[in-house]
Amino acid sequence: MARQLDPQCSAFQTAIDVLGRPWNALILGTLQAGPARFGELARKCHGVGAKILSARLKDLESRGLVHREVQIGPPIRVTYSLTSRGQAFEEVAHAIERWGRELTAPPRARRRGGRAGKP
C-alpha cells in the first residue's frame, strides 16, 4: 500500500524550503561530483554571484548538508563537500529529473469511450 503524501508534514516542508531557495539544488548537484573550492563552484554554477553563493553555502552548511574545510597556510584554502545528508540529495535529484522529463514530454492523448478526446 502506497504511503499518502502529507504536504503539511514538517519534514516535507523543510525539504521544500531547502530546494525552493534559488541555487541550492544547483550547488548540491555540483558538489555531487566531489569536493570543490569556492572559485571552482563559482565557475561551475553559472549565473550565481559570489555573494549569493557564499550565503547559500553558509545556509547549506548550517543545515548539515555541506561541510566546509579550511586548510591553513599561505594561501588559506577552503574546500566544500557534501555531508552524508547532502549526498542523499542525489536520489532526490534523480526523482526530480525523471518527473521533469515527464513534464516536458508531450502529453499523451487520453482515450475516452474508445476514441481520443479532451480530458
PDB file of N, CA and C in Angstrom:
ATOM      1  N   MET A   1       0.841  -1.174   0.000  1.00  0.00           N
ATOM      2  CA  MET A   1       0.000   0.000   0.000  1.00  0.00           C
ATOM      3  C   MET A   1       0.891   1.243   0.000  1.00  0.00           C
ATOM      4  N   ALA A   2       0.643   2.157  -0.906  1.00  0.00           N
ATOM      5  CA  ALA A   2       1.456   3.368  -1.023  1.00  0.00           C
ATOM      6  C   ALA A   2       1.153   4.331   0.123  1.00  0.00           C
ATOM      7  N   ARG A   3       2.219   4.979   0.584  1.00  0.00           N
ATOM      8  CA  ARG A   3       2.033   5.994   1.629  1.00  0.00           C
ATOM      9  C   ARG A   3       1.418   7.236   1.012  1.00  0.00           C
ATOM     10  N   GLN A   4       0.567   7.867   1.767  1.00  0.00           N
ATOM     11  CA  GLN A   4      -0.054   9.098   1.302  1.00  0.00           C
ATOM     12  C   GLN A   4       0.857  10.269   1.638  1.00  0.00           C
ATOM     13  N   LEU A   5       1.040  11.161   0.695  1.00  0.00           N
ATOM     14  CA  LEU A   5       1.876  12.342   0.893  1.00  0.00           C
ATOM     15  C   LEU A   5       1.121  13.364   1.741  1.00  0.00           C
ATOM     16  N   ASP A   6       1.780  13.896   2.721  1.00  0.00           N
ATOM     17  CA  ASP A   6       1.189  14.939   3.560  1.00  0.00           C
ATOM     18  C   ASP A   6       1.991  16.215   3.377  1.00  0.00           C
ATOM     19  N   PRO A   7       1.524  17.116   2.498  1.00  0.00           N
ATOM     20  CA  PRO A   7       2.274  18.357   2.253  1.00  0.00           C
ATOM     21  C   PRO A   7       2.367  19.267   3.477  1.00  0.00           C
ATOM     22  N   GLN A   8       1.594  18.978   4.518  1.00  0.00           N
ATOM     23  CA  GLN A   8       1.663  19.760   5.749  1.00  0.00           C
ATOM     24  C   GLN A   8       2.731  19.225   6.701  1.00  0.00           C
ATOM     25  N   CYS A   9       3.303  18.066   6.374  1.00  0.00           N
ATOM     26  CA  CYS A   9       4.324  17.438   7.212  1.00  0.00           C
ATOM     27  C   CYS A   9       5.542  18.360   7.316  1.00  0.00           C
ATOM     28  N   SER A  10       6.069  18.514   8.518  1.00  0.00           N
ATOM     29  CA  SER A  10       7.191  19.434   8.712  1.00  0.00           C
ATOM     30  C   SER A  10       8.445  18.963   7.974  1.00  0.00           C
ATOM     31  N   ALA A  11       8.644  17.646   7.859  1.00  0.00           N
ATOM     32  CA  ALA A  11       9.806  17.131   7.129  1.00  0.00           C
ATOM     33  C   ALA A  11       9.698  17.480   5.647  1.00  0.00           C
ATOM     34  N   PHE A  12       8.509  17.347   5.079  1.00  0.00           N
ATOM     35  CA  PHE A  12       8.276  17.694   3.675  1.00  0.00           C
ATOM     36  C   PHE A  12       8.524  19.188   3.471  1.00  0.00           C
ATOM     37  N   GLN A  13       7.990  19.998   4.359  1.00  0.00           N
ATOM     38  CA  GLN A  13       8.144  21.448   4.245  1.00  0.00           C
ATOM     39  C   GLN A  13       9.604  21.876   4.375  1.00  0.00           C
ATOM     40  N   THR A  14      10.366  21.194   5.232  1.00  0.00           N
ATOM     41  CA  THR A  14      11.788  21.501   5.386  1.00  0.00           C
ATOM     42  C   THR A  14      12.531  21.211   4.082  1.00  0.00           C
ATOM     43  N   ALA A  15      12.243  20.071   3.474  1.00  0.00           N
ATOM     44  CA  ALA A  15      12.887  19.717   2.202  1.00  0.00           C
ATOM     45  C   ALA A  15      12.530  20.711   1.107  1.00  0.00           C
ATOM     46  N   ILE A  16      11.267  21.090   1.042  1.00  0.00           N
ATOM     47  CA  ILE A  16      10.834  22.066   0.036  1.00  0.00           C
ATOM     48  C   ILE A  16      11.491  23.417   0.292  1.00  0.00           C
ATOM     49  N   ASP A  17      11.660  23.779   1.545  1.00  0.00           N
ATOM     50  CA  ASP A  17      12.323  25.036   1.890  1.00  0.00           C
ATOM     51  C   ASP A  17      13.764  25.049   1.366  1.00  0.00           C
ATOM     52  N   VAL A  18      14.466  23.938   1.531  1.00  0.00           N
ATOM     53  CA  VAL A  18      15.853  23.851   1.050  1.00  0.00           C
ATOM     54  C   VAL A  18      15.880  23.920  -0.471  1.00  0.00           C
ATOM     55  N   LEU A  19      15.065  23.102  -1.124  1.00  0.00           N
ATOM     56  CA  LEU A  19      15.085  23.050  -2.582  1.00  0.00           C
ATOM     57  C   LEU A  19      14.452  24.274  -3.233  1.00  0.00           C
ATOM     58  N   GLY A  20      13.577  24.947  -2.500  1.00  0.00           N
ATOM     59  CA  GLY A  20      12.908  26.121  -3.047  1.00  0.00           C
ATOM     60  C   GLY A  20      13.777  27.367  -3.072  1.00  0.00           C
ATOM     61  N   ARG A  21      14.872  27.343  -2.328  1.00  0.00           N
ATOM     62  CA  ARG A  21      15.757  28.513  -2.332  1.00  0.00           C
ATOM     63  C   ARG A  21      16.569  28.516  -3.616  1.00  0.00           C
ATOM     64  N   PRO A  22      16.608  29.639  -4.291  1.00  0.00           N
ATOM     65  CA  PRO A  22      17.356  29.695  -5.553  1.00  0.00           C
ATOM     66  C   PRO A  22      18.800  29.237  -5.379  1.00  0.00           C
ATOM     67  N   TRP A  23      19.241  28.445  -6.302  1.00  0.00           N
ATOM     68  CA  TRP A  23      20.611  27.960  -6.447  1.00  0.00           C
ATOM     69  C   TRP A  23      20.980  26.777  -5.549  1.00  0.00           C
ATOM     70  N   ASN A  24      20.202  26.459  -4.522  1.00  0.00           N
ATOM     71  CA  ASN A  24      20.583  25.369  -3.634  1.00  0.00           C
ATOM     72  C   ASN A  24      20.707  24.034  -4.366  1.00  0.00           C
ATOM     73  N   ALA A  25      19.732  23.712  -5.199  1.00  0.00           N
ATOM     74  CA  ALA A  25      19.781  22.439  -5.926  1.00  0.00           C
ATOM     75  C   ALA A  25      20.993  22.407  -6.862  1.00  0.00           C
ATOM     76  N   LEU A  26      21.287  23.521  -7.506  1.00  0.00           N
ATOM     77  CA  LEU A  26      22.451  23.588  -8.402  1.00  0.00           C
ATOM     78  C   LEU A  26      23.741  23.365  -7.615  1.00  0.00           C
ATOM     79  N   ILE A  27      23.863  23.968  -6.472  1.00  0.00           N
ATOM     80  CA  ILE A  27      25.065  23.813  -5.644  1.00  0.00           C
ATOM     81  C   ILE A  27      25.195  22.373  -5.164  1.00  0.00           C
ATOM     82  N   LEU A  28      24.110  21.817  -4.649  1.00  0.00           N
ATOM     83  CA  LEU A  28      24.147  20.428  -4.186  1.00  0.00           C
ATOM     84  C   LEU A  28      24.474  19.476  -5.333  1.00  0.00           C
ATOM     85  N   GLY A  29      23.872  19.721  -6.479  1.00  0.00           N
ATOM     86  CA  GLY A  29      24.139  18.881  -7.649  1.00  0.00           C
ATOM     87  C   GLY A  29      25.578  18.996  -8.120  1.00  0.00           C
ATOM     88  N   THR A  30      26.131  20.181  -8.073  1.00  0.00           N
ATOM     89  CA  THR A  30      27.519  20.397  -8.483  1.00  0.00           C
ATOM     90  C   THR A  30      28.478  19.690  -7.537  1.00  0.00           C
ATOM     91  N   LEU A  31      28.185  19.727  -6.253  1.00  0.00           N
ATOM     92  CA  LEU A  31      29.054  19.073  -5.270  1.00  0.00           C
ATOM     93  C   LEU A  31      28.926  17.547  -5.295  1.00  0.00           C
ATOM     94  N   GLN A  32      27.928  17.019  -6.006  1.00  0.00           N
ATOM     95  CA  GLN A  32      27.815  15.564  -6.148  1.00  0.00           C
ATOM     96  C   GLN A  32      29.052  15.006  -6.852  1.00  0.00           C
ATOM     97  N   ALA A  33      29.682  15.807  -7.686  1.00  0.00           N
ATOM     98  CA  ALA A  33      30.879  15.371  -8.429  1.00  0.00           C
ATOM     99  C   ALA A  33      32.101  15.272  -7.516  1.00  0.00           C
ATOM    100  N   GLY A  34      32.029  15.851  -6.331  1.00  0.00           N
ATOM    101  CA  GLY A  34      33.144  15.794  -5.396  1.00  0.00           C
ATOM    102  C   GLY A  34      33.447  17.157  -4.802  1.00  0.00           C
ATOM    103  N   PRO A  35      34.373  17.196  -3.841  1.00  0.00           N
ATOM    104  CA  PRO A  35      34.715  18.461  -3.177  1.00  0.00           C
ATOM    105  C   PRO A  35      35.191  19.513  -4.180  1.00  0.00           C
ATOM    106  N   ALA A  36      34.930  20.768  -3.843  1.00  0.00           N
ATOM    107  CA  ALA A  36      35.338  21.862  -4.717  1.00  0.00           C
ATOM    108  C   ALA A  36      35.654  23.092  -3.876  1.00  0.00           C
ATOM    109  N   ARG A  37      36.571  23.878  -4.381  1.00  0.00           N
ATOM    110  CA  ARG A  37      36.868  25.153  -3.740  1.00  0.00           C
ATOM    111  C   ARG A  37      35.875  26.189  -4.235  1.00  0.00           C
ATOM    112  N   PHE A  38      35.824  27.313  -3.529  1.00  0.00           N
ATOM    113  CA  PHE A  38      34.835  28.348  -3.834  1.00  0.00           C
ATOM    114  C   PHE A  38      34.909  28.787  -5.292  1.00  0.00           C
ATOM    115  N   GLY A  39      36.112  29.055  -5.783  1.00  0.00           N
ATOM    116  CA  GLY A  39      36.268  29.517  -7.162  1.00  0.00           C
ATOM    117  C   GLY A  39      35.769  28.493  -8.179  1.00  0.00           C
ATOM    118  N   GLU A  40      36.022  27.218  -7.907  1.00  0.00           N
ATOM    119  CA  GLU A  40      35.536  26.156  -8.793  1.00  0.00           C
ATOM    120  C   GLU A  40      34.010  26.132  -8.813  1.00  0.00           C
ATOM    121  N   LEU A  41      33.425  26.237  -7.623  1.00  0.00           N
ATOM    122  CA  LEU A  41      31.966  26.255  -7.547  1.00  0.00           C
ATOM    123  C   LEU A  41      31.398  27.453  -8.297  1.00  0.00           C
ATOM    124  N   ALA A  42      32.021  28.600  -8.134  1.00  0.00           N
ATOM    125  CA  ALA A  42      31.549  29.812  -8.812  1.00  0.00           C
ATOM    126  C   ALA A  42      31.580  29.629 -10.327  1.00  0.00           C
ATOM    127  N   ARG A  43      32.627  28.990 -10.846  1.00  0.00           N
ATOM    128  CA  ARG A  43      32.722  28.758 -12.296  1.00  0.00           C
ATOM    129  C   ARG A  43      31.684  27.740 -12.771  1.00  0.00           C
ATOM    130  N   LYS A  44      31.463  26.709 -11.978  1.00  0.00           N
ATOM    131  CA  LYS A  44      30.538  25.645 -12.381  1.00  0.00           C
ATOM    132  C   LYS A  44      29.071  26.027 -12.204  1.00  0.00           C
ATOM    133  N   CYS A  45      28.803  26.917 -11.272  1.00  0.00           N
ATOM    134  CA  CYS A  45      27.425  27.354 -11.009  1.00  0.00           C
ATOM    135  C   CYS A  45      27.184  28.665 -11.758  1.00  0.00           C
ATOM    136  N   HIS A  46      27.031  28.555 -13.052  1.00  0.00           N
ATOM    137  CA  HIS A  46      26.858  29.736 -13.908  1.00  0.00           C
ATOM    138  C   HIS A  46      25.668  30.577 -13.444  1.00  0.00           C
ATOM    139  N   GLY A  47      25.876  31.860 -13.352  1.00  0.00           N
ATOM    140  CA  GLY A  47      24.804  32.780 -13.006  1.00  0.00           C
ATOM    141  C   GLY A  47      24.694  33.099 -11.529  1.00  0.00           C
ATOM    142  N   VAL A  48      25.422  32.389 -10.695  1.00  0.00           N
ATOM    143  CA  VAL A  48      25.361  32.648  -9.251  1.00  0.00           C
ATOM    144  C   VAL A  48      26.478  33.613  -8.885  1.00  0.00           C
ATOM    145  N   GLY A  49      26.126  34.746  -8.328  1.00  0.00           N
ATOM    146  CA  GLY A  49      27.133  35.708  -7.901  1.00  0.00           C
ATOM    147  C   GLY A  49      27.845  35.215  -6.650  1.00  0.00           C
ATOM    148  N   ALA A  50      29.024  35.756  -6.417  1.00  0.00           N
ATOM    149  CA  ALA A  50      29.851  35.328  -5.282  1.00  0.00           C
ATOM    150  C   ALA A  50      29.146  35.542  -3.943  1.00  0.00           C
ATOM    151  N   LYS A  51      28.453  36.653  -3.803  1.00  0.00           N
ATOM    152  CA  LYS A  51      27.765  36.968  -2.557  1.00  0.00           C
ATOM    153  C   LYS A  51      26.656  35.944  -2.278  1.00  0.00           C
ATOM    154  N   ILE A  52      25.878  35.641  -3.302  1.00  0.00           N
ATOM    155  CA  ILE A  52      24.784  34.672  -3.158  1.00  0.00           C
ATOM    156  C   ILE A  52      25.344  33.278  -2.920  1.00  0.00           C
ATOM    157  N   LEU A  53      26.381  32.904  -3.669  1.00  0.00           N
ATOM    158  CA  LEU A  53      26.994  31.584  -3.500  1.00  0.00           C
ATOM    159  C   LEU A  53      27.481  31.414  -2.061  1.00  0.00           C
ATOM    160  N   SER A  54      28.136  32.432  -1.544  1.00  0.00           N
ATOM    161  CA  SER A  54      28.629  32.388  -0.170  1.00  0.00           C
ATOM    162  C   SER A  54      27.473  32.219   0.822  1.00  0.00           C
ATOM    163  N   ALA A  55      26.397  32.970   0.627  1.00  0.00           N
ATOM    164  CA  ALA A  55      25.235  32.887   1.524  1.00  0.00           C
ATOM    165  C   ALA A  55      24.585  31.507   1.452  1.00  0.00           C
ATOM    166  N   ARG A  56      24.465  30.978   0.235  1.00  0.00           N
ATOM    167  CA  ARG A  56      23.836  29.657   0.076  1.00  0.00           C
ATOM    168  C   ARG A  56      24.699  28.560   0.697  1.00  0.00           C
ATOM    169  N   LEU A  57      25.997  28.664   0.535  1.00  0.00           N
ATOM    170  CA  LEU A  57      26.891  27.667   1.131  1.00  0.00           C
ATOM    171  C   LEU A  57      26.789  27.709   2.654  1.00  0.00           C
ATOM    172  N   LYS A  58      26.714  28.905   3.232  1.00  0.00           N
ATOM    173  CA  LYS A  58      26.569  29.036   4.687  1.00  0.00           C
ATOM    174  C   LYS A  58      25.259  28.413   5.151  1.00  0.00           C
ATOM    175  N   ASP A  59      24.186  28.651   4.387  1.00  0.00           N
ATOM    176  CA  ASP A  59      22.881  28.082   4.725  1.00  0.00           C
ATOM    177  C   ASP A  59      22.922  26.556   4.645  1.00  0.00           C
ATOM    178  N   LEU A  60      23.480  26.029   3.569  1.00  0.00           N
ATOM    179  CA  LEU A  60      23.568  24.578   3.403  1.00  0.00           C
ATOM    180  C   LEU A  60      24.463  23.949   4.474  1.00  0.00           C
ATOM    181  N   GLU A  61      25.509  24.670   4.866  1.00  0.00           N
ATOM    182  CA  GLU A  61      26.381  24.186   5.939  1.00  0.00           C
ATOM    183  C   GLU A  61      25.618  24.156   7.268  1.00  0.00           C
ATOM    184  N   SER A  62      24.846  25.197   7.541  1.00  0.00           N
ATOM    185  CA  SER A  62      24.095  25.259   8.800  1.00  0.00           C
ATOM    186  C   SER A  62      23.026  24.170   8.877  1.00  0.00           C
ATOM    187  N   ARG A  63      22.569  23.695   7.737  1.00  0.00           N
ATOM    188  CA  ARG A  63      21.567  22.626   7.694  1.00  0.00           C
ATOM    189  C   ARG A  63      22.204  21.232   7.704  1.00  0.00           C
ATOM    190  N   GLY A  64      23.537  21.194   7.721  1.00  0.00           N
ATOM    191  CA  GLY A  64      24.228  19.913   7.773  1.00  0.00           C
ATOM    192  C   GLY A  64      24.324  19.196   6.441  1.00  0.00           C
ATOM    193  N   LEU A  65      24.190  19.939   5.344  1.00  0.00           N
ATOM    194  CA  LEU A  65      24.250  19.344   4.011  1.00  0.00           C
ATOM    195  C   LEU A  65      25.623  19.499   3.363  1.00  0.00           C
ATOM    196  N   VAL A  66      26.324  20.541   3.750  1.00  0.00           N
ATOM    197  CA  VAL A  66      27.644  20.852   3.176  1.00  0.00           C
ATOM    198  C   VAL A  66      28.652  20.971   4.314  1.00  0.00           C
ATOM    199  N   HIS A  67      29.842  20.448   4.058  1.00  0.00           N
ATOM    200  CA  HIS A  67      30.953  20.555   5.007  1.00  0.00           C
ATOM    201  C   HIS A  67      31.959  21.552   4.449  1.00  0.00           C
ATOM    202  N   ARG A  68      32.401  22.462   5.297  1.00  0.00           N
ATOM    203  CA  ARG A  68      33.392  23.473   4.914  1.00  0.00           C
ATOM    204  C   ARG A  68      34.683  23.148   5.635  1.00  0.00           C
ATOM    205  N   GLU A  69      35.746  22.930   4.849  1.00  0.00           N
ATOM    206  CA  GLU A  69      37.047  22.608   5.442  1.00  0.00           C
ATOM    207  C   GLU A  69      38.046  23.697   5.085  1.00  0.00           C
ATOM    208  N   VAL A  70      38.641  24.270   6.123  1.00  0.00           N
ATOM    209  CA  VAL A  70      39.636  25.330   5.940  1.00  0.00           C
ATOM    210  C   VAL A  70      41.022  24.709   6.064  1.00  0.00           C
ATOM    211  N   GLN A  71      41.845  24.926   5.047  1.00  0.00           N
ATOM    212  CA  GLN A  71      43.223  24.438   5.050  1.00  0.00           C
ATOM    213  C   GLN A  71      44.134  25.625   5.295  1.00  0.00           C
ATOM    214  N   ILE A  72      44.803  25.590   6.448  1.00  0.00           N
ATOM    215  CA  ILE A  72      45.656  26.701   6.866  1.00  0.00           C
ATOM    216  C   ILE A  72      46.962  26.694   6.081  1.00  0.00           C
ATOM    217  N   GLY A  73      47.436  27.866   5.826  1.00  0.00           N
ATOM    218  CA  GLY A  73      48.708  28.024   5.142  1.00  0.00           C
ATOM    219  C   GLY A  73      48.576  29.039   4.038  1.00  0.00           C
ATOM    220  N   PRO A  74      49.665  29.629   3.697  1.00  0.00           N
ATOM    221  CA  PRO A  74      49.539  30.613   2.617  1.00  0.00           C
ATOM    222  C   PRO A  74      49.428  29.895   1.279  1.00  0.00           C
ATOM    223  N   PRO A  75      48.410  30.103   0.545  1.00  0.00           N
ATOM    224  CA  PRO A  75      47.185  30.822   0.905  1.00  0.00           C
ATOM    225  C   PRO A  75      46.235  29.906   1.687  1.00  0.00           C
ATOM    226  N   ILE A  76      45.314  30.528   2.392  1.00  0.00           N
ATOM    227  CA  ILE A  76      44.280  29.762   3.080  1.00  0.00           C
ATOM    228  C   ILE A  76      43.329  29.239   2.010  1.00  0.00           C
ATOM    229  N   ARG A  77      43.023  27.955   2.088  1.00  0.00           N
ATOM    230  CA  ARG A  77      42.122  27.345   1.096  1.00  0.00           C
ATOM    231  C   ARG A  77      40.898  26.792   1.805  1.00  0.00           C
ATOM    232  N   VAL A  78      39.764  27.000   1.196  1.00  0.00           N
ATOM    233  CA  VAL A  78      38.513  26.486   1.738  1.00  0.00           C
ATOM    234  C   VAL A  78      37.914  25.537   0.709  1.00  0.00           C
ATOM    235  N   THR A  79      37.600  24.335   1.166  1.00  0.00           N
ATOM    236  CA  THR A  79      37.017  23.323   0.291  1.00  0.00           C
ATOM    237  C   THR A  79      35.642  22.956   0.816  1.00  0.00           C
ATOM    238  N   TYR A  80      34.708  22.817  -0.095  1.00  0.00           N
ATOM    239  CA  TYR A  80      33.340  22.442   0.258  1.00  0.00           C
ATOM    240  C   TYR A  80      33.069  21.041  -0.262  1.00  0.00           C
ATOM    241  N   SER A  81      32.372  20.259   0.553  1.00  0.00           N
ATOM    242  CA  SER A  81      31.986  18.908   0.150  1.00  0.00           C
ATOM    243  C   SER A  81      30.624  18.607   0.759  1.00  0.00           C
ATOM    244  N   LEU A  82      30.004  17.544   0.280  1.00  0.00           N
ATOM    245  CA  LEU A  82      28.712  17.143   0.808  1.00  0.00           C
ATOM    246  C   LEU A  82      28.887  16.249   2.027  1.00  0.00           C
ATOM    247  N   THR A  83      28.045  16.442   2.999  1.00  0.00           N
ATOM    248  CA  THR A  83      27.976  15.519   4.126  1.00  0.00           C
ATOM    249  C   THR A  83      27.131  14.325   3.668  1.00  0.00           C
ATOM    250  N   SER A  84      26.955  13.343   4.516  1.00  0.00           N
ATOM    251  CA  SER A  84      26.109  12.206   4.136  1.00  0.00           C
ATOM    252  C   SER A  84      24.676  12.669   3.897  1.00  0.00           C
ATOM    253  N   ARG A  85      24.233  13.670   4.649  1.00  0.00           N
ATOM    254  CA  ARG A  85      22.886  14.237   4.414  1.00  0.00           C
ATOM    255  C   ARG A  85      22.821  14.893   3.043  1.00  0.00           C
ATOM    256  N   GLY A  86      23.878  15.588   2.676  1.00  0.00           N
ATOM    257  CA  GLY A  86      23.924  16.238   1.372  1.00  0.00           C
ATOM    258  C   GLY A  86      24.005  15.237   0.233  1.00  0.00           C
ATOM    259  N   GLN A  87      24.716  14.149   0.454  1.00  0.00           N
ATOM    260  CA  GLN A  87      24.833  13.112  -0.577  1.00  0.00           C
ATOM    261  C   GLN A  87      23.493  12.449  -0.850  1.00  0.00           C
ATOM    262  N   ALA A  88      22.613  12.440   0.138  1.00  0.00           N
ATOM    263  CA  ALA A  88      21.284  11.858  -0.043  1.00  0.00           C
ATOM    264  C   ALA A  88      20.464  12.630  -1.074  1.00  0.00           C
ATOM    265  N   PHE A  89      20.875  13.859  -1.382  1.00  0.00           N
ATOM    266  CA  PHE A  89      20.178  14.665  -2.396  1.00  0.00           C
ATOM    267  C   PHE A  89      20.222  14.001  -3.765  1.00  0.00           C
ATOM    268  N   GLU A  90      21.225  13.172  -4.020  1.00  0.00           N
ATOM    269  CA  GLU A  90      21.356  12.541  -5.337  1.00  0.00           C
ATOM    270  C   GLU A  90      20.087  11.760  -5.712  1.00  0.00           C
ATOM    271  N   GLU A  91      19.562  11.009  -4.771  1.00  0.00           N
ATOM    272  CA  GLU A  91      18.344  10.231  -5.026  1.00  0.00           C
ATOM    273  C   GLU A  91      17.164  11.157  -5.339  1.00  0.00           C
ATOM    274  N   VAL A  92      17.068  12.236  -4.591  1.00  0.00           N
ATOM    275  CA  VAL A  92      16.001  13.218  -4.801  1.00  0.00           C
ATOM    276  C   VAL A  92      16.165  13.871  -6.174  1.00  0.00           C
ATOM    277  N   ALA A  93      17.400  14.215  -6.523  1.00  0.00           N
ATOM    278  CA  ALA A  93      17.663  14.866  -7.812  1.00  0.00           C
ATOM    279  C   ALA A  93      17.261  13.967  -8.972  1.00  0.00           C
ATOM    280  N   HIS A  94      17.556  12.679  -8.872  1.00  0.00           N
ATOM    281  CA  HIS A  94      17.171  11.750  -9.945  1.00  0.00           C
ATOM    282  C   HIS A  94      15.650  11.656 -10.065  1.00  0.00           C
ATOM    283  N   ALA A  95      14.960  11.641  -8.924  1.00  0.00           N
ATOM    284  CA  ALA A  95      13.495  11.590  -8.955  1.00  0.00           C
ATOM    285  C   ALA A  95      12.921  12.860  -9.588  1.00  0.00           C
ATOM    286  N   ILE A  96      13.482  14.009  -9.249  1.00  0.00           N
ATOM    287  CA  ILE A  96      13.015  15.272  -9.826  1.00  0.00           C
ATOM    288  C   ILE A  96      13.304  15.300 -11.331  1.00  0.00           C
ATOM    289  N   GLU A  97      14.466  14.794 -11.722  1.00  0.00           N
ATOM    290  CA  GLU A  97      14.814  14.760 -13.141  1.00  0.00           C
ATOM    291  C   GLU A  97      13.830  13.878 -13.923  1.00  0.00           C
ATOM    292  N   ARG A  98      13.485  12.704 -13.371  1.00  0.00           N
ATOM    293  CA  ARG A  98      12.511  11.822 -14.032  1.00  0.00           C
ATOM    294  C   ARG A  98      11.175  12.531 -14.186  1.00  0.00           C
ATOM    295  N   TRP A  99      10.750  13.187 -13.133  1.00  0.00           N
ATOM    296  CA  TRP A  99       9.488  13.906 -13.167  1.00  0.00           C
ATOM    297  C   TRP A  99       9.553  15.048 -14.189  1.00  0.00           C
ATOM    298  N   GLY A 100      10.681  15.746 -14.228  1.00  0.00           N
ATOM    299  CA  GLY A 100      10.863  16.829 -15.202  1.00  0.00           C
ATOM    300  C   GLY A 100      10.767  16.334 -16.631  1.00  0.00           C
ATOM    301  N   ARG A 101      11.330  15.147 -16.894  1.00  0.00           N
ATOM    302  CA  ARG A 101      11.218  14.565 -18.241  1.00  0.00           C
ATOM    303  C   ARG A 101       9.763  14.290 -18.586  1.00  0.00           C
ATOM    304  N   GLU A 102       9.016  13.795 -17.609  1.00  0.00           N
ATOM    305  CA  GLU A 102       7.592  13.551 -17.842  1.00  0.00           C
ATOM    306  C   GLU A 102       6.856  14.852 -18.129  1.00  0.00           C
ATOM    307  N   LEU A 103       7.215  15.904 -17.418  1.00  0.00           N
ATOM    308  CA  LEU A 103       6.548  17.195 -17.605  1.00  0.00           C
ATOM    309  C   LEU A 103       6.869  17.829 -18.946  1.00  0.00           C
ATOM    310  N   THR A 104       8.076  17.569 -19.463  1.00  0.00           N
ATOM    311  CA  THR A 104       8.458  18.191 -20.733  1.00  0.00           C
ATOM    312  C   THR A 104       8.075  17.343 -21.940  1.00  0.00           C
ATOM    313  N   ALA A 105       7.678  16.098 -21.706  1.00  0.00           N
ATOM    314  CA  ALA A 105       7.242  15.245 -22.809  1.00  0.00           C
ATOM    315  C   ALA A 105       5.853  15.684 -23.244  1.00  0.00           C
ATOM    316  N   PRO A 106       5.560  15.526 -24.550  1.00  0.00           N
ATOM    317  CA  PRO A 106       4.209  15.894 -24.998  1.00  0.00           C
ATOM    318  C   PRO A 106       3.169  15.032 -24.282  1.00  0.00           C
ATOM    319  N   PRO A 107       2.053  15.620 -23.906  1.00  0.00           N
ATOM    320  CA  PRO A 107       1.027  14.831 -23.210  1.00  0.00           C
ATOM    321  C   PRO A 107       0.465  13.758 -24.130  1.00  0.00           C
ATOM    322  N   ARG A 108       0.181  12.603 -23.544  1.00  0.00           N
ATOM    323  CA  ARG A 108      -0.414  11.512 -24.312  1.00  0.00           C
ATOM    324  C   ARG A 108      -1.904  11.776 -24.471  1.00  0.00           C
ATOM    325  N   ALA A 109      -2.414  11.381 -25.620  1.00  0.00           N
ATOM    326  CA  ALA A 109      -3.857  11.518 -25.841  1.00  0.00           C
ATOM    327  C   ALA A 109      -4.571  10.534 -24.921  1.00  0.00           C
ATOM    328  N   ARG A 110      -5.547  10.998 -24.235  1.00  0.00           N
ATOM    329  CA  ARG A 110      -6.316  10.130 -23.345  1.00  0.00           C
ATOM    330  C   ARG A 110      -7.431   9.479 -24.147  1.00  0.00           C
ATOM    331  N   ARG A 111      -7.653   8.236 -23.849  1.00  0.00           N
ATOM    332  CA  ARG A 111      -8.713   7.512 -24.542  1.00  0.00           C
ATOM    333  C   ARG A 111      -9.996   7.624 -23.724  1.00  0.00           C
ATOM    334  N   ARG A 112     -11.039   7.965 -24.410  1.00  0.00           N
ATOM    335  CA  ARG A 112     -12.312   8.126 -23.743  1.00  0.00           C
ATOM    336  C   ARG A 112     -13.404   7.496 -24.602  1.00  0.00           C
ATOM    337  N   GLY A 113     -13.964   6.460 -24.118  1.00  0.00           N
ATOM    338  CA  GLY A 113     -15.026   5.796 -24.878  1.00  0.00           C
ATOM    339  C   GLY A 113     -14.524   5.221 -26.189  1.00  0.00           C
ATOM    340  N   GLY A 114     -13.248   4.784 -26.211  1.00  0.00           N
ATOM    341  CA  GLY A 114     -12.716   4.164 -27.413  1.00  0.00           C
ATOM    342  C   GLY A 114     -12.113   5.143 -28.402  1.00  0.00           C
ATOM    343  N   ARG A 115     -12.163   6.442 -28.112  1.00  0.00           N
ATOM    344  CA  ARG A 115     -11.554   7.413 -29.027  1.00  0.00           C
ATOM    345  C   ARG A 115     -10.808   8.476 -28.225  1.00  0.00           C
ATOM    346  N   ALA A 116      -9.849   9.108 -28.893  1.00  0.00           N
ATOM    347  CA  ALA A 116      -9.096  10.156 -28.214  1.00  0.00           C
ATOM    348  C   ALA A 116      -9.998  11.348 -28.025  1.00  0.00           C
ATOM    349  N   GLY A 117      -9.949  11.917 -26.864  1.00  0.00           N
ATOM    350  CA  GLY A 117     -10.791  13.075 -26.591  1.00  0.00           C
ATOM    351  C   GLY A 117     -10.118  13.998 -25.608  1.00  0.00           C
ATOM    352  N   LYS A 118     -10.798  15.070 -25.340  1.00  0.00           N
ATOM    353  CA  LYS A 118     -10.275  16.028 -24.380  1.00  0.00           C
ATOM    354  C   LYS A 118     -10.592  15.547 -22.981  1.00  0.00           C
ATOM    355  N   PRO A 119      -9.719  15.821 -22.019  1.00  0.00           N
ATOM    356  CA  PRO A 119      -9.983  15.395 -20.642  1.00  0.00           C
ATOM    357  C   PRO A 119     -11.196  16.067 -20.058  1.00  0.00           C
TER     358      PRO A 119
END
